[in-house]
């Protein structure tokens, strides 16, 4: 259990560092430092907008990665509990095995459901974090075509 807590603390520490870096990047793009940084032409405005959206997508990705790492850690813990349970089951008399089947099936089902939900969540969050950026790029393409 001490190892699991240390891994949890390590994940939280890495997450905090990545979160702070993503926030700093976002704020650097969102709030210009000086009036000299105010964009005046379409290219500068487009670049500022894309940089801000890219930073926002990075913040969402950091959040998704943190959740992903915590889900993996939870799966590892449940997996270790399942291994301990199977070792205990090997030592119990065979006559009692049917009594423990629901618990064994529950642990196995929990692992399968956890892996599936983690993979679905990770895919969805990575795709959704880039949706605003892709929308702006699409609008830029349409705008450029209309200007020709």
Protein backbone atom coordinates (compact mmCIF):
# COMPACT_ATOMS: atom_id res chain seq x y z
CA UNK A 1 0.00 0.00 0.00
CA UNK A 2 2.91 2.35 0.70
CA UNK A 3 4.15 1.83 -2.87
CA UNK A 4 0.71 2.73 -4.26
CA UNK A 5 0.56 5.91 -2.18
CA UNK A 6 4.04 6.92 -3.34
CA UNK A 7 3.04 6.32 -6.97
CA UNK A 8 -0.09 8.41 -6.40
CA UNK A 9 1.98 11.26 -4.95
CA UNK A 10 4.42 11.04 -7.88
CA UNK A 11 1.55 11.24 -10.38
CA UNK A 12 0.12 14.26 -8.55
CA UNK A 13 3.49 16.01 -8.47
CA UNK A 14 4.10 15.46 -12.20
CA UNK A 15 0.54 16.53 -12.93
CA UNK A 16 0.94 19.76 -10.98
CA UNK A 17 4.16 20.63 -12.82
CA UNK A 18 2.61 19.91 -16.24
CA UNK A 19 -0.55 21.80 -15.32
CA UNK A 20 1.40 24.88 -14.23
CA UNK A 21 3.47 24.83 -17.44
CA UNK A 22 0.33 24.51 -19.59
CA UNK A 23 -1.38 27.35 -17.73
CA UNK A 24 1.66 29.61 -18.10
CA UNK A 25 1.78 28.88 -21.83
CA UNK A 26 -1.93 29.60 -22.18
CA UNK A 27 -1.73 32.89 -20.28
CA UNK A 28 1.33 33.94 -22.27
CA UNK A 29 -0.66 33.56 -25.51
CA UNK A 30 -3.96 34.86 -24.18
CA UNK A 31 -2.69 38.02 -22.49
CA UNK A 32 -0.04 39.87 -24.49
CA UNK A 33 2.69 41.54 -22.44
CA UNK A 34 2.80 44.87 -24.21
CA UNK A 35 0.77 46.94 -26.60
CA UNK A 36 3.45 46.25 -29.21
CA UNK A 37 2.16 42.67 -29.29
CA UNK A 38 -1.32 43.74 -30.45
CA UNK A 39 -1.90 42.12 -33.85
CA UNK A 40 -2.77 44.45 -36.73
CA UNK A 41 -3.03 42.21 -39.78
CA UNK A 42 -5.03 39.07 -40.50
CA UNK A 43 -2.02 36.79 -40.32
CA UNK A 44 -1.05 38.03 -36.84
CA UNK A 45 -4.65 37.75 -35.61
CA UNK A 46 -4.94 34.23 -37.01
CA UNK A 47 -1.63 33.23 -35.45
CA UNK A 48 -2.64 34.67 -32.05
CA UNK A 49 -5.96 32.85 -32.19
CA UNK A 50 -4.36 29.57 -33.20
CA UNK A 51 -1.67 29.86 -30.51
CA UNK A 52 -4.31 30.53 -27.86
CA UNK A 53 -6.44 27.60 -29.02
CA UNK A 54 -3.37 25.36 -29.17
CA UNK A 55 -2.50 26.33 -25.58
CA UNK A 56 -6.08 25.64 -24.49
CA UNK A 57 -5.95 22.25 -26.17
CA UNK A 58 -2.70 21.54 -24.33
CA UNK A 59 -4.39 22.39 -21.02
CA UNK A 60 -7.23 20.00 -21.79
CA UNK A 61 -4.70 17.34 -22.78
CA UNK A 62 -2.85 17.74 -19.49
CA UNK A 63 -6.11 17.24 -17.64
CA UNK A 64 -6.88 14.13 -19.69
CA UNK A 65 -3.37 12.77 -19.11
CA UNK A 66 -3.67 13.27 -15.36
CA UNK A 67 -6.97 11.41 -15.30
CA UNK A 68 -5.47 8.67 -17.49
CA UNK A 69 -2.49 8.19 -15.18
CA UNK A 70 -4.74 8.01 -12.12
CA UNK A 71 -6.97 5.44 -13.82
CA UNK A 72 -3.91 3.34 -14.71
CA UNK A 73 -2.74 3.55 -11.10
CA UNK A 74 -6.18 2.43 -9.90
CA UNK A 75 -6.10 -0.48 -12.34
CA UNK A 76 -2.69 -1.53 -11.07
CA UNK A 77 -3.98 -1.48 -7.50
CA UNK A 78 -7.06 -3.56 -8.37
CA UNK A 79 -4.82 -5.92 -10.35
CA UNK A 80 -2.51 -6.40 -7.36
CA UNK A 81 -5.54 -7.02 -5.14
CA UNK A 82 -6.77 -9.61 -7.63
CA UNK A 83 -3.38 -11.36 -7.62
CA UNK A 84 -3.38 -11.47 -3.82
CA UNK A 85 -6.92 -12.80 -3.91
CA UNK A 86 -5.95 -15.57 -6.34
CA UNK A 87 -3.00 -16.54 -4.12
CA UNK A 88 -5.38 -16.74 -1.17
CA UNK A 89 -7.84 -18.78 -3.21
CA UNK A 90 -5.13 -21.31 -4.09
CA UNK A 91 -4.65 -21.96 -0.36
CA UNK A 92 -8.36 -22.47 0.41
CA UNK A 93 -10.02 -25.89 0.16
CA UNK A 94 -11.55 -26.68 -3.24
CA UNK A 95 -14.94 -27.19 -1.63
CA UNK A 96 -15.10 -23.46 -0.81
CA UNK A 97 -14.12 -22.30 -4.31
CA UNK A 98 -17.73 -21.89 -5.57
CA UNK A 99 -18.43 -19.53 -2.66
CA UNK A 100 -15.65 -17.21 -3.77
CA UNK A 101 -16.44 -17.25 -7.52
CA UNK A 102 -18.62 -14.09 -7.42
CA UNK A 103 -15.80 -12.08 -5.86
CA UNK A 104 -13.30 -13.39 -8.39
CA UNK A 105 -15.69 -12.63 -11.25
CA UNK A 106 -16.33 -9.16 -9.83
CA UNK A 107 -12.62 -8.34 -9.70
CA UNK A 108 -12.14 -9.58 -13.26
CA UNK A 109 -15.14 -7.59 -14.48
CA UNK A 110 -13.86 -4.50 -12.70
CA UNK A 111 -10.50 -4.78 -14.47
CA UNK A 112 -12.12 -5.22 -17.90
CA UNK A 113 -14.55 -2.33 -17.39
CA UNK A 114 -11.81 -0.09 -16.04
CA UNK A 115 -9.52 -0.70 -19.01
CA UNK A 116 -12.33 -0.11 -21.50
CA UNK A 117 -13.52 3.09 -19.83
CA UNK A 118 -9.96 4.41 -19.53
CA UNK A 119 -9.28 3.83 -23.21
CA UNK A 120 -12.60 5.39 -24.28
CA UNK A 121 -12.06 8.40 -22.02
CA UNK A 122 -8.52 8.95 -23.26
CA UNK A 123 -9.58 8.77 -26.91
CA UNK A 124 -12.53 11.10 -26.41
CA UNK A 125 -10.59 13.66 -24.40
CA UNK A 126 -7.71 13.81 -26.86
CA UNK A 127 -10.09 14.24 -29.78
CA UNK A 128 -12.25 16.82 -28.00
CA UNK A 129 -9.29 18.91 -26.89
CA UNK A 130 -8.34 19.63 -30.50
CA UNK A 131 -11.90 20.24 -31.78
CA UNK A 132 -11.88 24.06 -31.32
CA UNK A 133 -8.47 24.30 -32.98
CA UNK A 134 -9.64 22.21 -35.95
CA UNK A 135 -12.79 24.32 -36.24
CA UNK A 136 -10.77 27.55 -36.41
CA UNK A 137 -8.43 26.06 -38.99
CA UNK A 138 -11.42 25.01 -41.08
CA UNK A 139 -12.93 28.48 -40.83
CA UNK A 140 -9.59 29.98 -41.88
CA UNK A 141 -9.47 27.75 -44.95
CA UNK A 142 -13.00 28.77 -45.96
CA UNK A 143 -12.15 32.43 -45.35
CA UNK A 144 -9.01 32.22 -47.49
CA UNK A 145 -10.93 30.54 -50.32
CA UNK A 146 -13.59 33.24 -50.23
CA UNK A 147 -10.92 35.96 -50.48
CA UNK A 148 -9.59 34.55 -53.80
